[in-house]
Amino acid sequence: SVCTVLNGYLEQCREETKADFLQLLVWAVHQGARVSG
């Protein structure tokens, strides 16, 4: 299992908007992967 700063950001998010922030996390990592090749 791997744990990074992403877990910390997720834990700080309010439950009511966690679904939206989860989308943001996935999108950000995807974009990072695309840009960095």
PDB file of all heavy atoms in Angstrom:
ATOM      1  N   SER A   1       0.844  -1.187   0.000  1.00  0.00           N
ATOM      2  CA  SER A   1       0.000   0.000   0.000  1.00  0.00           C
ATOM      3  C   SER A   1       0.882   1.241   0.000  1.00  0.00           C
ATOM      4  O   SER A   1       1.971   1.243   0.569  1.00  0.00           O
ATOM      5  CB  SER A   1      -0.895   0.017   1.242  1.00  0.00           C
ATOM      6  OG  SER A   1      -1.771  -1.079   1.237  1.00  0.00           O
ATOM      7  N   VAL A   2       0.400   2.280  -0.660  1.00  0.00           N
ATOM      8  CA  VAL A   2       1.165   3.519  -0.757  1.00  0.00           C
ATOM      9  C   VAL A   2       0.337   4.672  -0.211  1.00  0.00           C
ATOM     10  O   VAL A   2      -0.849   4.794  -0.509  1.00  0.00           O
ATOM     11  CB  VAL A   2       1.541   3.819  -2.229  1.00  0.00           C
ATOM     12  CG1 VAL A   2       2.303   5.134  -2.331  1.00  0.00           C
ATOM     13  CG2 VAL A   2       2.367   2.677  -2.807  1.00  0.00           C
ATOM     14  N   CYS A   3       0.967   5.513   0.605  1.00  0.00           N
ATOM     15  CA  CYS A   3       0.301   6.683   1.167  1.00  0.00           C
ATOM     16  C   CYS A   3       1.144   7.919   0.842  1.00  0.00           C
ATOM     17  O   CYS A   3       2.367   7.890   0.981  1.00  0.00           O
ATOM     18  CB  CYS A   3       0.145   6.520   2.679  1.00  0.00           C
ATOM     19  SG  CYS A   3      -0.780   7.857   3.469  1.00  0.00           S
ATOM     20  N   THR A   4       0.504   8.997   0.383  1.00  0.00           N
ATOM     21  CA  THR A   4       1.214  10.234   0.040  1.00  0.00           C
ATOM     22  C   THR A   4       0.454  11.433   0.591  1.00  0.00           C
ATOM     23  O   THR A   4      -0.537  11.287   1.310  1.00  0.00           O
ATOM     24  CB  THR A   4       1.357  10.390  -1.494  1.00  0.00           C
ATOM     25  OG1 THR A   4       0.053  10.653  -2.047  1.00  0.00           O
ATOM     26  CG2 THR A   4       1.962   9.156  -2.135  1.00  0.00           C
ATOM     27  N   VAL A   5       0.884  12.617   0.202  1.00  0.00           N
ATOM     28  CA  VAL A   5       0.217  13.847   0.641  1.00  0.00           C
ATOM     29  C   VAL A   5      -1.231  13.897   0.147  1.00  0.00           C
ATOM     30  O   VAL A   5      -2.051  14.623   0.715  1.00  0.00           O
ATOM     31  CB  VAL A   5       0.975  15.102   0.151  1.00  0.00           C
ATOM     32  CG1 VAL A   5       2.343  15.184   0.772  1.00  0.00           C
ATOM     33  CG2 VAL A   5       1.083  15.107  -1.375  1.00  0.00           C
ATOM     34  N   LEU A   6      -1.543  13.143  -0.890  1.00  0.00           N
ATOM     35  CA  LEU A   6      -2.910  13.135  -1.405  1.00  0.00           C
ATOM     36  C   LEU A   6      -3.893  12.674  -0.333  1.00  0.00           C
ATOM     37  O   LEU A   6      -5.012  13.170  -0.257  1.00  0.00           O
ATOM     38  CB  LEU A   6      -3.019  12.231  -2.640  1.00  0.00           C
ATOM     39  CG  LEU A   6      -2.149  12.597  -3.850  1.00  0.00           C
ATOM     40  CD1 LEU A   6      -2.447  11.646  -5.008  1.00  0.00           C
ATOM     41  CD2 LEU A   6      -2.370  14.039  -4.270  1.00  0.00           C
ATOM     42  N   ASN A   7      -3.464  11.710   0.486  1.00  0.00           N
ATOM     43  CA  ASN A   7      -4.326  11.239   1.572  1.00  0.00           C
ATOM     44  C   ASN A   7      -4.632  12.361   2.551  1.00  0.00           C
ATOM     45  O   ASN A   7      -5.743  12.486   3.066  1.00  0.00           O
ATOM     46  CB  ASN A   7      -3.661  10.076   2.316  1.00  0.00           C
ATOM     47  CG  ASN A   7      -3.520   8.845   1.448  1.00  0.00           C
ATOM     48  OD1 ASN A   7      -2.535   8.698   0.741  1.00  0.00           O
ATOM     49  ND2 ASN A   7      -4.496   7.959   1.487  1.00  0.00           N
ATOM     50  N   GLY A   8      -3.616  13.201   2.817  1.00  0.00           N
ATOM     51  CA  GLY A   8      -3.808  14.308   3.734  1.00  0.00           C
ATOM     52  C   GLY A   8      -4.819  15.308   3.211  1.00  0.00           C
ATOM     53  O   GLY A   8      -5.683  15.788   3.964  1.00  0.00           O
ATOM     54  N   TYR A   9      -4.748  15.617   1.923  1.00  0.00           N
ATOM     55  CA  TYR A   9      -5.721  16.546   1.341  1.00  0.00           C
ATOM     56  C   TYR A   9      -7.131  15.961   1.397  1.00  0.00           C
ATOM     57  O   TYR A   9      -8.099  16.667   1.690  1.00  0.00           O
ATOM     58  CB  TYR A   9      -5.347  16.857  -0.109  1.00  0.00           C
ATOM     59  CG  TYR A   9      -4.148  17.753  -0.252  1.00  0.00           C
ATOM     60  CD1 TYR A   9      -3.022  17.346  -0.969  1.00  0.00           C
ATOM     61  CD2 TYR A   9      -4.128  19.009   0.341  1.00  0.00           C
ATOM     62  CE1 TYR A   9      -1.912  18.174  -1.086  1.00  0.00           C
ATOM     63  CE2 TYR A   9      -3.020  19.839   0.227  1.00  0.00           C
ATOM     64  CZ  TYR A   9      -1.913  19.418  -0.476  1.00  0.00           C
ATOM     65  OH  TYR A   9      -0.821  20.229  -0.587  1.00  0.00           O
ATOM     66  N   LEU A  10      -7.235  14.681   1.120  1.00  0.00           N
ATOM     67  CA  LEU A  10      -8.542  14.030   1.139  1.00  0.00           C
ATOM     68  C   LEU A  10      -9.151  14.052   2.536  1.00  0.00           C
ATOM     69  O   LEU A  10     -10.348  14.293   2.708  1.00  0.00           O
ATOM     70  CB  LEU A  10      -8.409  12.586   0.647  1.00  0.00           C
ATOM     71  CG  LEU A  10      -9.705  11.790   0.457  1.00  0.00           C
ATOM     72  CD1 LEU A  10     -10.632  12.499  -0.517  1.00  0.00           C
ATOM     73  CD2 LEU A  10      -9.383  10.390  -0.043  1.00  0.00           C
ATOM     74  N   GLU A  11      -8.320  13.838   3.551  1.00  0.00           N
ATOM     75  CA  GLU A  11      -8.800  13.840   4.928  1.00  0.00           C
ATOM     76  C   GLU A  11      -9.277  15.222   5.365  1.00  0.00           C
ATOM     77  O   GLU A  11     -10.138  15.348   6.230  1.00  0.00           O
ATOM     78  CB  GLU A  11      -7.691  13.360   5.866  1.00  0.00           C
ATOM     79  CG  GLU A  11      -7.380  11.867   5.733  1.00  0.00           C
ATOM     80  CD  GLU A  11      -6.149  11.461   6.520  1.00  0.00           C
ATOM     81  OE1 GLU A  11      -5.579  12.344   7.232  1.00  0.00           O
ATOM     82  OE2 GLU A  11      -5.743  10.289   6.437  1.00  0.00           O
ATOM     83  N   GLN A  12      -8.724  16.262   4.760  1.00  0.00           N
ATOM     84  CA  GLN A  12      -9.103  17.628   5.134  1.00  0.00           C
ATOM     85  C   GLN A  12     -10.414  18.071   4.493  1.00  0.00           C
ATOM     86  O   GLN A  12     -10.982  19.093   4.884  1.00  0.00           O
ATOM     87  CB  GLN A  12      -8.002  18.607   4.715  1.00  0.00           C
ATOM     88  CG  GLN A  12      -6.690  18.443   5.451  1.00  0.00           C
ATOM     89  CD  GLN A  12      -5.631  19.373   4.899  1.00  0.00           C
ATOM     90  OE1 GLN A  12      -5.829  20.587   4.811  1.00  0.00           O
ATOM     91  NE2 GLN A  12      -4.490  18.808   4.495  1.00  0.00           N
ATOM     92  N   CYS A  13     -10.888  17.314   3.516  1.00  0.00           N
ATOM     93  CA  CYS A  13     -12.086  17.714   2.777  1.00  0.00           C
ATOM     94  C   CYS A  13     -13.360  17.386   3.548  1.00  0.00           C
ATOM     95  O   CYS A  13     -13.465  16.329   4.175  1.00  0.00           O
ATOM     96  CB  CYS A  13     -12.107  17.016   1.420  1.00  0.00           C
ATOM     97  SG  CYS A  13     -13.407  17.592   0.322  1.00  0.00           S
ATOM     98  N   ARG A  14     -14.328  18.284   3.486  1.00  0.00           N
ATOM     99  CA  ARG A  14     -15.625  18.051   4.126  1.00  0.00           C
ATOM    100  C   ARG A  14     -16.328  16.889   3.444  1.00  0.00           C
ATOM    101  O   ARG A  14     -16.229  16.714   2.240  1.00  0.00           O
ATOM    102  CB  ARG A  14     -16.496  19.300   4.032  1.00  0.00           C
ATOM    103  CG  ARG A  14     -15.973  20.477   4.822  1.00  0.00           C
ATOM    104  CD  ARG A  14     -16.703  21.770   4.486  1.00  0.00           C
ATOM    105  NE  ARG A  14     -18.141  21.624   4.711  1.00  0.00           N
ATOM    106  CZ  ARG A  14     -19.069  21.866   3.782  1.00  0.00           C
ATOM    107  NH1 ARG A  14     -18.709  22.235   2.557  1.00  0.00           N
ATOM    108  NH2 ARG A  14     -20.339  21.740   4.055  1.00  0.00           N
ATOM    109  N   GLU A  15     -17.054  16.100   4.255  1.00  0.00           N
ATOM    110  CA  GLU A  15     -17.752  14.928   3.720  1.00  0.00           C
ATOM    111  C   GLU A  15     -18.728  15.317   2.618  1.00  0.00           C
ATOM    112  O   GLU A  15     -18.906  14.590   1.645  1.00  0.00           O
ATOM    113  CB  GLU A  15     -18.508  14.201   4.846  1.00  0.00           C
ATOM    114  CG  GLU A  15     -17.615  13.429   5.797  1.00  0.00           C
ATOM    115  CD  GLU A  15     -16.870  12.299   5.117  1.00  0.00           C
ATOM    116  OE1 GLU A  15     -17.437  11.666   4.203  1.00  0.00           O
ATOM    117  OE2 GLU A  15     -15.717  12.051   5.504  1.00  0.00           O
ATOM    118  N   GLU A  16     -19.375  16.477   2.765  1.00  0.00           N
ATOM    119  CA  GLU A  16     -20.399  16.888   1.800  1.00  0.00           C
ATOM    120  C   GLU A  16     -19.834  17.140   0.407  1.00  0.00           C
ATOM    121  O   GLU A  16     -20.564  17.042  -0.587  1.00  0.00           O
ATOM    122  CB  GLU A  16     -21.106  18.168   2.294  1.00  0.00           C
ATOM    123  CG  GLU A  16     -21.902  17.990   3.579  1.00  0.00           C
ATOM    124  CD  GLU A  16     -21.045  18.103   4.832  1.00  0.00           C
ATOM    125  OE1 GLU A  16     -19.795  18.179   4.695  1.00  0.00           O
ATOM    126  OE2 GLU A  16     -21.600  18.108   5.928  1.00  0.00           O
ATOM    127  N   THR A  17     -18.571  17.491   0.323  1.00  0.00           N
ATOM    128  CA  THR A  17     -17.980  17.793  -0.988  1.00  0.00           C
ATOM    129  C   THR A  17     -16.852  16.828  -1.357  1.00  0.00           C
ATOM    130  O   THR A  17     -16.099  17.071  -2.302  1.00  0.00           O
ATOM    131  CB  THR A  17     -17.439  19.243  -1.003  1.00  0.00           C
ATOM    132  OG1 THR A  17     -16.507  19.409   0.078  1.00  0.00           O
ATOM    133  CG2 THR A  17     -18.570  20.245  -0.872  1.00  0.00           C
ATOM    134  N   LYS A  18     -16.741  15.728  -0.597  1.00  0.00           N
ATOM    135  CA  LYS A  18     -15.643  14.795  -0.844  1.00  0.00           C
ATOM    136  C   LYS A  18     -15.718  14.175  -2.241  1.00  0.00           C
ATOM    137  O   LYS A  18     -14.686  13.961  -2.883  1.00  0.00           O
ATOM    138  CB  LYS A  18     -15.624  13.695   0.219  1.00  0.00           C
ATOM    139  CG  LYS A  18     -14.441  12.756   0.106  1.00  0.00           C
ATOM    140  CD  LYS A  18     -14.282  11.880   1.334  1.00  0.00           C
ATOM    141  CE  LYS A  18     -13.702  12.675   2.484  1.00  0.00           C
ATOM    142  NZ  LYS A  18     -13.376  11.793   3.638  1.00  0.00           N
ATOM    143  N   ALA A  19     -16.924  13.900  -2.713  1.00  0.00           N
ATOM    144  CA  ALA A  19     -17.068  13.305  -4.047  1.00  0.00           C
ATOM    145  C   ALA A  19     -16.488  14.223  -5.111  1.00  0.00           C
ATOM    146  O   ALA A  19     -15.835  13.776  -6.056  1.00  0.00           O
ATOM    147  CB  ALA A  19     -18.538  13.014  -4.338  1.00  0.00           C
ATOM    148  N   ASP A  20     -16.714  15.534  -4.965  1.00  0.00           N
ATOM    149  CA  ASP A  20     -16.180  16.498  -5.925  1.00  0.00           C
ATOM    150  C   ASP A  20     -14.660  16.564  -5.835  1.00  0.00           C
ATOM    151  O   ASP A  20     -13.964  16.630  -6.861  1.00  0.00           O
ATOM    152  CB  ASP A  20     -16.770  17.884  -5.667  1.00  0.00           C
ATOM    153  CG  ASP A  20     -18.266  17.929  -5.931  1.00  0.00           C
ATOM    154  OD1 ASP A  20     -18.709  17.279  -6.898  1.00  0.00           O
ATOM    155  OD2 ASP A  20     -18.982  18.582  -5.175  1.00  0.00           O
ATOM    156  N   PHE A  21     -14.131  16.551  -4.609  1.00  0.00           N
ATOM    157  CA  PHE A  21     -12.685  16.640  -4.462  1.00  0.00           C
ATOM    158  C   PHE A  21     -11.993  15.377  -4.966  1.00  0.00           C
ATOM    159  O   PHE A  21     -10.877  15.436  -5.490  1.00  0.00           O
ATOM    160  CB  PHE A  21     -12.312  16.890  -2.996  1.00  0.00           C
ATOM    161  CG  PHE A  21     -10.850  17.207  -2.806  1.00  0.00           C
ATOM    162  CD1 PHE A  21     -10.318  18.382  -3.304  1.00  0.00           C
ATOM    163  CD2 PHE A  21     -10.007  16.317  -2.165  1.00  0.00           C
ATOM    164  CE1 PHE A  21      -8.964  18.687  -3.167  1.00  0.00           C
ATOM    165  CE2 PHE A  21      -8.650  16.601  -2.014  1.00  0.00           C
ATOM    166  CZ  PHE A  21      -8.133  17.787  -2.516  1.00  0.00           C
ATOM    167  N   LEU A  22     -12.654  14.240  -4.828  1.00  0.00           N
ATOM    168  CA  LEU A  22     -12.105  12.995  -5.355  1.00  0.00           C
ATOM    169  C   LEU A  22     -11.932  13.087  -6.865  1.00  0.00           C
ATOM    170  O   LEU A  22     -10.936  12.634  -7.428  1.00  0.00           O
ATOM    171  CB  LEU A  22     -13.014  11.818  -5.003  1.00  0.00           C
ATOM    172  CG  LEU A  22     -12.972  11.346  -3.548  1.00  0.00           C
ATOM    173  CD1 LEU A  22     -14.115  10.381  -3.277  1.00  0.00           C
ATOM    174  CD2 LEU A  22     -11.647  10.680  -3.230  1.00  0.00           C
ATOM    175  N   GLN A  23     -12.909  13.695  -7.520  1.00  0.00           N
ATOM    176  CA  GLN A  23     -12.797  13.882  -8.962  1.00  0.00           C
ATOM    177  C   GLN A  23     -11.593  14.757  -9.288  1.00  0.00           C
ATOM    178  O   GLN A  23     -10.846  14.494 -10.242  1.00  0.00           O
ATOM    179  CB  GLN A  23     -14.056  14.561  -9.507  1.00  0.00           C
ATOM    180  CG  GLN A  23     -15.264  13.659  -9.583  1.00  0.00           C
ATOM    181  CD  GLN A  23     -16.361  14.328 -10.388  1.00  0.00           C
ATOM    182  OE1 GLN A  23     -16.401  14.212 -11.612  1.00  0.00           O
ATOM    183  NE2 GLN A  23     -17.246  15.012  -9.723  1.00  0.00           N
ATOM    184  N   LEU A  24     -11.404  15.786  -8.477  1.00  0.00           N
ATOM    185  CA  LEU A  24     -10.286  16.700  -8.684  1.00  0.00           C
ATOM    186  C   LEU A  24      -8.947  15.993  -8.515  1.00  0.00           C
ATOM    187  O   LEU A  24      -8.009  16.204  -9.293  1.00  0.00           O
ATOM    188  CB  LEU A  24     -10.393  17.867  -7.697  1.00  0.00           C
ATOM    189  CG  LEU A  24      -9.471  19.066  -7.939  1.00  0.00           C
ATOM    190  CD1 LEU A  24      -9.815  19.742  -9.259  1.00  0.00           C
ATOM    191  CD2 LEU A  24      -9.587  20.057  -6.786  1.00  0.00           C
ATOM    192  N   LEU A  25      -8.856  15.127  -7.504  1.00  0.00           N
ATOM    193  CA  LEU A  25      -7.631  14.362  -7.276  1.00  0.00           C
ATOM    194  C   LEU A  25      -7.285  13.499  -8.477  1.00  0.00           C
ATOM    195  O   LEU A  25      -6.143  13.492  -8.953  1.00  0.00           O
ATOM    196  CB  LEU A  25      -7.787  13.461  -6.047  1.00  0.00           C
ATOM    197  CG  LEU A  25      -7.456  14.011  -4.666  1.00  0.00           C
ATOM    198  CD1 LEU A  25      -7.653  12.914  -3.622  1.00  0.00           C
ATOM    199  CD2 LEU A  25      -6.043  14.543  -4.598  1.00  0.00           C
ATOM    200  N   VAL A  26      -8.272  12.766  -8.950  1.00  0.00           N
ATOM    201  CA  VAL A  26      -8.043  11.866 -10.084  1.00  0.00           C
ATOM    202  C   VAL A  26      -7.654  12.662 -11.322  1.00  0.00           C
ATOM    203  O   VAL A  26      -6.719  12.299 -12.045  1.00  0.00           O
ATOM    204  CB  VAL A  26      -9.296  11.010 -10.355  1.00  0.00           C
ATOM    205  CG1 VAL A  26      -9.090  10.135 -11.586  1.00  0.00           C
ATOM    206  CG2 VAL A  26      -9.614  10.138  -9.153  1.00  0.00           C
ATOM    207  N   TRP A  27      -8.362  13.758 -11.567  1.00  0.00           N
ATOM    208  CA  TRP A  27      -8.068  14.579 -12.744  1.00  0.00           C
ATOM    209  C   TRP A  27      -6.658  15.146 -12.658  1.00  0.00           C
ATOM    210  O   TRP A  27      -5.913  15.142 -13.649  1.00  0.00           O
ATOM    211  CB  TRP A  27      -9.081  15.719 -12.840  1.00  0.00           C
ATOM    212  CG  TRP A  27      -8.916  16.541 -14.086  1.00  0.00           C
ATOM    213  CD1 TRP A  27      -9.461  16.302 -15.313  1.00  0.00           C
ATOM    214  CD2 TRP A  27      -8.113  17.729 -14.219  1.00  0.00           C
ATOM    215  NE1 TRP A  27      -9.054  17.271 -16.205  1.00  0.00           N
ATOM    216  CE2 TRP A  27      -8.233  18.159 -15.565  1.00  0.00           C
ATOM    217  CE3 TRP A  27      -7.326  18.467 -13.342  1.00  0.00           C
ATOM    218  CZ2 TRP A  27      -7.578  19.289 -16.037  1.00  0.00           C
ATOM    219  CZ3 TRP A  27      -6.671  19.597 -13.813  1.00  0.00           C
ATOM    220  CH2 TRP A  27      -6.801  20.003 -15.145  1.00  0.00           C
ATOM    221  N   ALA A  28      -6.271  15.649 -11.486  1.00  0.00           N
ATOM    222  CA  ALA A  28      -4.945  16.251 -11.312  1.00  0.00           C
ATOM    223  C   ALA A  28      -3.838  15.236 -11.568  1.00  0.00           C
ATOM    224  O   ALA A  28      -2.851  15.529 -12.259  1.00  0.00           O
ATOM    225  CB  ALA A  28      -4.816  16.832  -9.908  1.00  0.00           C
ATOM    226  N   VAL A  29      -3.994  14.040 -11.021  1.00  0.00           N
ATOM    227  CA  VAL A  29      -2.968  13.009 -11.218  1.00  0.00           C
ATOM    228  C   VAL A  29      -2.909  12.586 -12.684  1.00  0.00           C
ATOM    229  O   VAL A  29      -1.828  12.367 -13.243  1.00  0.00           O
ATOM    230  CB  VAL A  29      -3.240  11.793 -10.301  1.00  0.00           C
ATOM    231  CG1 VAL A  29      -2.283  10.648 -10.629  1.00  0.00           C
ATOM    232  CG2 VAL A  29      -3.089  12.186  -8.841  1.00  0.00           C
ATOM    233  N   HIS A  30      -4.068  12.501 -13.313  1.00  0.00           N
ATOM    234  CA  HIS A  30      -4.116  12.151 -14.728  1.00  0.00           C
ATOM    235  C   HIS A  30      -3.377  13.188 -15.558  1.00  0.00           C
ATOM    236  O   HIS A  30      -2.560  12.855 -16.441  1.00  0.00           O
ATOM    237  CB  HIS A  30      -5.575  12.041 -15.185  1.00  0.00           C
ATOM    238  CG  HIS A  30      -5.730  11.511 -16.571  1.00  0.00           C
ATOM    239  ND1 HIS A  30      -6.912  11.582 -17.269  1.00  0.00           N
ATOM    240  CD2 HIS A  30      -4.841  10.919 -17.411  1.00  0.00           C
ATOM    241  CE1 HIS A  30      -6.739  11.054 -18.465  1.00  0.00           C
ATOM    242  NE2 HIS A  30      -5.500  10.643 -18.582  1.00  0.00           N
ATOM    243  N   GLN A  31      -3.650  14.461 -15.289  1.00  0.00           N
ATOM    244  CA  GLN A  31      -2.994  15.534 -16.032  1.00  0.00           C
ATOM    245  C   GLN A  31      -1.486  15.525 -15.784  1.00  0.00           C
ATOM    246  O   GLN A  31      -0.685  15.738 -16.701  1.00  0.00           O
ATOM    247  CB  GLN A  31      -3.595  16.890 -15.653  1.00  0.00           C
ATOM    248  CG  GLN A  31      -5.043  17.064 -16.044  1.00  0.00           C
ATOM    249  CD  GLN A  31      -5.310  16.753 -17.505  1.00  0.00           C
ATOM    250  OE1 GLN A  31      -4.645  17.276 -18.395  1.00  0.00           O
ATOM    251  NE2 GLN A  31      -6.267  15.880 -17.767  1.00  0.00           N
ATOM    252  N   GLY A  32      -1.110  15.279 -14.532  1.00  0.00           N
ATOM    253  CA  GLY A  32       0.309  15.207 -14.211  1.00  0.00           C
ATOM    254  C   GLY A  32       1.007  14.104 -14.989  1.00  0.00           C
ATOM    255  O   GLY A  32       2.133  14.273 -15.473  1.00  0.00           O
ATOM    256  N   ALA A  33       0.329  12.969 -15.133  1.00  0.00           N
ATOM    257  CA  ALA A  33       0.890  11.840 -15.872  1.00  0.00           C
ATOM    258  C   ALA A  33       1.022  12.175 -17.358  1.00  0.00           C
ATOM    259  O   ALA A  33       2.009  11.823 -18.010  1.00  0.00           O
ATOM    260  CB  ALA A  33       0.013  10.606 -15.684  1.00  0.00           C
ATOM    261  N   ARG A  34       0.025  12.874 -17.883  1.00  0.00           N
ATOM    262  CA  ARG A  34       0.069  13.243 -19.303  1.00  0.00           C
ATOM    263  C   ARG A  34       1.192  14.234 -19.584  1.00  0.00           C
ATOM    264  O   ARG A  34       1.960  14.069 -20.536  1.00  0.00           O
ATOM    265  CB  ARG A  34      -1.272  13.859 -19.715  1.00  0.00           C
ATOM    266  CG  ARG A  34      -2.428  12.871 -19.726  1.00  0.00           C
ATOM    267  CD  ARG A  34      -3.717  13.557 -20.121  1.00  0.00           C
ATOM    268  NE  ARG A  34      -3.658  14.101 -21.482  1.00  0.00           N
ATOM    269  CZ  ARG A  34      -4.619  14.849 -22.024  1.00  0.00           C
ATOM    270  NH1 ARG A  34      -5.698  15.134 -21.322  1.00  0.00           N
ATOM    271  NH2 ARG A  34      -4.493  15.290 -23.248  1.00  0.00           N
ATOM    272  N   VAL A  35       1.292  15.264 -18.744  1.00  0.00           N
ATOM    273  CA  VAL A  35       2.299  16.311 -18.958  1.00  0.00           C
ATOM    274  C   VAL A  35       3.721  15.767 -18.792  1.00  0.00           C
ATOM    275  O   VAL A  35       4.635  16.115 -19.542  1.00  0.00           O
ATOM    276  CB  VAL A  35       2.070  17.493 -17.983  1.00  0.00           C
ATOM    277  CG1 VAL A  35       3.220  18.493 -18.057  1.00  0.00           C
ATOM    278  CG2 VAL A  35       0.749  18.178 -18.290  1.00  0.00           C
ATOM    279  N   SER A  36       3.908  14.900 -17.798  1.00  0.00           N
ATOM    280  CA  SER A  36       5.245  14.373 -17.526  1.00  0.00           C
ATOM    281  C   SER A  36       5.600  13.177 -18.391  1.00  0.00           C
ATOM    282  O   SER A  36       6.706  12.643 -18.308  1.00  0.00           O
ATOM    283  CB  SER A  36       5.366  13.983 -16.049  1.00  0.00           C
ATOM    284  OG  SER A  36       4.429  12.970 -15.720  1.00  0.00           O
ATOM    285  N   GLY A  37       4.644  12.747 -19.233  1.00  0.00           N
ATOM    286  CA  GLY A  37       4.915  11.644 -20.143  1.00  0.00           C
ATOM    287  C   GLY A  37       4.885  10.276 -19.501  1.00  0.00           C
ATOM    288  O   GLY A  37       5.367   9.298 -20.076  1.00  0.00           O
TER     289      GLY A  37
END
